[in-house]
Amino acid sequence: MKIIEMDFSVNSKDRNQMIDITSQVHAVVSESGISNGDVIVYCPHTTAGITINENADPDVPHDILLTLADLIPQNKSGYQHCEGNSDSHVKSSLIGTSQQILLNNGTLNLGTWQGIFFCEFDGPRNRKVKVQIKGE
């Protein structure tokens, strides 16, 4: 079994943004030379996350961000974190910072409409995504 670790950069333009990184993850997987195994996509930031959801209709990421904004407002009475980004930390914790995807014959085993998203909650920023591929 081989284990390959790589990373790539993601640049957000908005404070809250879902960026489709499926093609970047696929490129890293292709470069690894591993055909079968599993892929972990990880975000090493406390105010961002990684999720898998529909990437065919841009209204889906919009609706997810809209719902998160309603549930976790940026300016909520009672927040104590002094940096003014308490909502970003909460959103990151709810979305999570990693996803695991099965790899079969060099293909990410995603559903027909699924894509991998980097979720920015405290942008705009330059961020890093780490990818670990394990397998043969």
C-alpha atoms as a PDB file:
ATOM      1  CA  MET A   1       0.000   0.000   0.000  1.00  0.00           C
ATOM      2  CA  LYS A   2       1.227   3.477  -0.930  1.00  0.00           C
ATOM      3  CA  ILE A   3       0.378   6.704   0.830  1.00  0.00           C
ATOM      4  CA  ILE A   4       0.785   9.965  -1.091  1.00  0.00           C
ATOM      5  CA  GLU A   5       0.156  13.417   0.409  1.00  0.00           C
ATOM      6  CA  MET A   6      -0.165  16.573  -1.668  1.00  0.00           C
ATOM      7  CA  ASP A   7      -1.748  19.981  -1.295  1.00  0.00           C
ATOM      8  CA  PHE A   8      -3.021  22.835  -3.407  1.00  0.00           C
ATOM      9  CA  SER A   9      -4.131  26.430  -2.859  1.00  0.00           C
ATOM     10  CA  VAL A  10      -7.638  27.837  -2.961  1.00  0.00           C
ATOM     11  CA  ASN A  11      -8.332  31.567  -3.215  1.00  0.00           C
ATOM     12  CA  SER A  12     -11.719  32.796  -2.067  1.00  0.00           C
ATOM     13  CA  LYS A  13     -13.220  36.080  -3.181  1.00  0.00           C
ATOM     14  CA  ASP A  14     -16.113  36.385  -0.707  1.00  0.00           C
ATOM     15  CA  ARG A  15     -16.555  36.076   3.044  1.00  0.00           C
ATOM     16  CA  ASN A  16     -18.787  33.020   2.594  1.00  0.00           C
ATOM     17  CA  GLN A  17     -18.231  30.971  -0.526  1.00  0.00           C
ATOM     18  CA  MET A  18     -18.402  27.376  -1.727  1.00  0.00           C
ATOM     19  CA  ILE A  19     -15.682  26.635  -4.263  1.00  0.00           C
ATOM     20  CA  ASP A  20     -15.879  23.461  -6.361  1.00  0.00           C
ATOM     21  CA  ILE A  21     -12.476  21.771  -5.994  1.00  0.00           C
ATOM     22  CA  THR A  22     -13.403  18.454  -7.611  1.00  0.00           C
ATOM     23  CA  SER A  23     -11.097  18.964 -10.603  1.00  0.00           C
ATOM     24  CA  GLN A  24      -8.133  19.918  -8.384  1.00  0.00           C
ATOM     25  CA  VAL A  25      -8.650  16.812  -6.236  1.00  0.00           C
ATOM     26  CA  HIS A  26      -8.952  14.663  -9.356  1.00  0.00           C
ATOM     27  CA  ALA A  27      -5.679  16.139 -10.702  1.00  0.00           C
ATOM     28  CA  VAL A  28      -3.881  15.312  -7.442  1.00  0.00           C
ATOM     29  CA  VAL A  29      -5.272  11.763  -7.527  1.00  0.00           C
ATOM     30  CA  SER A  30      -4.168  11.310 -11.158  1.00  0.00           C
ATOM     31  CA  GLU A  31      -0.683  12.590 -10.329  1.00  0.00           C
ATOM     32  CA  SER A  32      -0.392  10.162  -7.402  1.00  0.00           C
ATOM     33  CA  GLY A  33      -0.498   7.098  -9.644  1.00  0.00           C
ATOM     34  CA  ILE A  34      -2.777   5.301  -7.173  1.00  0.00           C
ATOM     35  CA  SER A  35      -5.811   3.687  -8.829  1.00  0.00           C
ATOM     36  CA  ASN A  36      -7.693   1.993  -6.010  1.00  0.00           C
ATOM     37  CA  GLY A  37      -8.021   3.028  -2.391  1.00  0.00           C
ATOM     38  CA  ASP A  38      -9.332   6.060  -0.609  1.00  0.00           C
ATOM     39  CA  VAL A  39      -8.814   9.794  -0.728  1.00  0.00           C
ATOM     40  CA  ILE A  40      -9.031  12.149   2.223  1.00  0.00           C
ATOM     41  CA  VAL A  41      -9.553  15.830   1.450  1.00  0.00           C
ATOM     42  CA  TYR A  42      -8.676  17.965   4.469  1.00  0.00           C
ATOM     43  CA  CYS A  43      -8.837  21.669   5.275  1.00  0.00           C
ATOM     44  CA  PRO A  44      -6.310  22.792   7.955  1.00  0.00           C
ATOM     45  CA  HIS A  45      -8.202  25.998   8.769  1.00  0.00           C
ATOM     46  CA  THR A  46     -10.566  26.728  11.669  1.00  0.00           C
ATOM     47  CA  THR A  47     -12.897  28.963   9.675  1.00  0.00           C
ATOM     48  CA  ALA A  48     -13.353  26.859   6.546  1.00  0.00           C
ATOM     49  CA  GLY A  49     -14.527  23.356   5.690  1.00  0.00           C
ATOM     50  CA  ILE A  50     -14.903  20.603   3.115  1.00  0.00           C
ATOM     51  CA  THR A  51     -18.200  19.107   1.983  1.00  0.00           C
ATOM     52  CA  ILE A  52     -19.638  17.002  -0.815  1.00  0.00           C
ATOM     53  CA  ASN A  53     -22.855  18.115  -2.466  1.00  0.00           C
ATOM     54  CA  GLU A  54     -24.448  18.838  -5.829  1.00  0.00           C
ATOM     55  CA  ASN A  55     -22.186  20.709  -8.223  1.00  0.00           C
ATOM     56  CA  ALA A  56     -24.468  20.675 -11.296  1.00  0.00           C
ATOM     57  CA  ASP A  57     -26.738  23.532 -10.181  1.00  0.00           C
ATOM     58  CA  PRO A  58     -25.104  26.683  -8.713  1.00  0.00           C
ATOM     59  CA  ASP A  59     -28.301  27.348  -6.776  1.00  0.00           C
ATOM     60  CA  VAL A  60     -27.448  24.481  -4.387  1.00  0.00           C
ATOM     61  CA  PRO A  61     -24.276  26.103  -2.936  1.00  0.00           C
ATOM     62  CA  HIS A  62     -26.165  29.404  -2.818  1.00  0.00           C
ATOM     63  CA  ASP A  63     -29.000  27.808  -0.845  1.00  0.00           C
ATOM     64  CA  ILE A  64     -26.595  26.083   1.545  1.00  0.00           C
ATOM     65  CA  LEU A  65     -24.800  29.365   2.270  1.00  0.00           C
ATOM     66  CA  LEU A  66     -28.135  31.184   2.656  1.00  0.00           C
ATOM     67  CA  THR A  67     -29.349  28.612   5.170  1.00  0.00           C
ATOM     68  CA  LEU A  68     -26.084  28.710   7.131  1.00  0.00           C
ATOM     69  CA  ALA A  69     -26.303  32.519   7.266  1.00  0.00           C
ATOM     70  CA  ASP A  70     -29.851  32.291   8.640  1.00  0.00           C
ATOM     71  CA  LEU A  71     -28.931  29.643  11.208  1.00  0.00           C
ATOM     72  CA  ILE A  72     -25.585  31.165  12.212  1.00  0.00           C
ATOM     73  CA  PRO A  73     -25.616  34.947  11.699  1.00  0.00           C
ATOM     74  CA  GLN A  74     -22.340  36.859  11.482  1.00  0.00           C
ATOM     75  CA  ASN A  75     -23.327  39.395  14.139  1.00  0.00           C
ATOM     76  CA  LYS A  76     -25.103  37.603  16.942  1.00  0.00           C
ATOM     77  CA  SER A  77     -25.544  39.095  20.372  1.00  0.00           C
ATOM     78  CA  GLY A  78     -23.489  37.161  22.885  1.00  0.00           C
ATOM     79  CA  TYR A  79     -20.560  36.089  20.704  1.00  0.00           C
ATOM     80  CA  GLN A  80     -17.388  36.506  22.760  1.00  0.00           C
ATOM     81  CA  HIS A  81     -14.566  35.624  20.358  1.00  0.00           C
ATOM     82  CA  CYS A  82     -12.691  38.905  19.887  1.00  0.00           C
ATOM     83  CA  GLU A  83     -11.823  38.478  16.178  1.00  0.00           C
ATOM     84  CA  GLY A  84     -15.410  38.987  14.982  1.00  0.00           C
ATOM     85  CA  ASN A  85     -15.591  35.665  13.172  1.00  0.00           C
ATOM     86  CA  SER A  86     -17.378  33.463  15.684  1.00  0.00           C
ATOM     87  CA  ASP A  87     -19.926  32.479  13.064  1.00  0.00           C
ATOM     88  CA  SER A  88     -17.112  31.229  10.833  1.00  0.00           C
ATOM     89  CA  HIS A  89     -15.835  28.882  13.528  1.00  0.00           C
ATOM     90  CA  VAL A  90     -19.325  27.505  14.156  1.00  0.00           C
ATOM     91  CA  LYS A  91     -19.980  26.949  10.430  1.00  0.00           C
ATOM     92  CA  SER A  92     -16.643  25.167  10.052  1.00  0.00           C
ATOM     93  CA  SER A  93     -17.444  22.875  12.965  1.00  0.00           C
ATOM     94  CA  LEU A  94     -20.870  22.011  11.548  1.00  0.00           C
ATOM     95  CA  ILE A  95     -19.672  21.392   7.986  1.00  0.00           C
ATOM     96  CA  GLY A  96     -16.486  19.630   9.063  1.00  0.00           C
ATOM     97  CA  THR A  97     -12.940  19.919   7.833  1.00  0.00           C
ATOM     98  CA  SER A  98     -12.559  16.709   5.828  1.00  0.00           C
ATOM     99  CA  GLN A  99     -14.222  14.213   3.524  1.00  0.00           C
ATOM    100  CA  GLN A 100     -13.231  10.697   2.506  1.00  0.00           C
ATOM    101  CA  ILE A 101     -13.897   9.493  -1.035  1.00  0.00           C
ATOM    102  CA  LEU A 102     -13.417   5.977  -2.377  1.00  0.00           C
ATOM    103  CA  LEU A 103     -11.127   5.614  -5.382  1.00  0.00           C
ATOM    104  CA  ASN A 104     -11.888   2.916  -7.984  1.00  0.00           C
ATOM    105  CA  ASN A 105      -9.867   2.445 -11.162  1.00  0.00           C
ATOM    106  CA  GLY A 106      -8.455   5.968 -10.862  1.00  0.00           C
ATOM    107  CA  THR A 107     -11.895   7.555 -10.538  1.00  0.00           C
ATOM    108  CA  LEU A 108     -13.275   9.369  -7.516  1.00  0.00           C
ATOM    109  CA  ASN A 109     -16.354   7.397  -6.519  1.00  0.00           C
ATOM    110  CA  LEU A 110     -18.699  10.390  -6.435  1.00  0.00           C
ATOM    111  CA  GLY A 111     -22.379  10.320  -7.357  1.00  0.00           C
ATOM    112  CA  THR A 112     -23.558  11.685 -10.703  1.00  0.00           C
ATOM    113  CA  TRP A 113     -24.335  15.143  -9.322  1.00  0.00           C
ATOM    114  CA  GLN A 114     -21.738  15.279  -6.534  1.00  0.00           C
ATOM    115  CA  GLY A 115     -18.732  17.539  -6.292  1.00  0.00           C
ATOM    116  CA  ILE A 116     -16.209  18.346  -3.582  1.00  0.00           C
ATOM    117  CA  PHE A 117     -16.453  21.863  -2.185  1.00  0.00           C
ATOM    118  CA  PHE A 118     -14.075  24.025  -0.198  1.00  0.00           C
ATOM    119  CA  CYS A 119     -16.320  26.093   2.080  1.00  0.00           C
ATOM    120  CA  GLU A 120     -14.959  29.519   2.952  1.00  0.00           C
ATOM    121  CA  PHE A 121     -16.537  31.186   5.961  1.00  0.00           C
ATOM    122  CA  ASP A 122     -14.033  33.983   6.716  1.00  0.00           C
ATOM    123  CA  GLY A 123     -12.784  35.252   3.379  1.00  0.00           C
ATOM    124  CA  PRO A 124     -11.555  36.445   1.158  1.00  0.00           C
ATOM    125  CA  ARG A 125      -8.389  34.460   1.846  1.00  0.00           C
ATOM    126  CA  ASN A 126      -5.695  32.298   0.350  1.00  0.00           C
ATOM    127  CA  ARG A 127      -6.159  28.810   1.770  1.00  0.00           C
ATOM    128  CA  LYS A 128      -4.606  25.366   1.524  1.00  0.00           C
ATOM    129  CA  VAL A 129      -6.259  22.003   0.918  1.00  0.00           C
ATOM    130  CA  LYS A 130      -4.423  18.801   1.810  1.00  0.00           C
ATOM    131  CA  VAL A 131      -5.113  15.531   0.021  1.00  0.00           C
ATOM    132  CA  GLN A 132      -3.998  12.089   1.155  1.00  0.00           C
ATOM    133  CA  ILE A 133      -4.356   9.134  -1.205  1.00  0.00           C
ATOM    134  CA  LYS A 134      -3.966   5.611   0.218  1.00  0.00           C
ATOM    135  CA  GLY A 135      -4.019   2.491  -1.906  1.00  0.00           C
ATOM    136  CA  GLU A 136      -2.484   0.662  -4.818  1.00  0.00           C
END
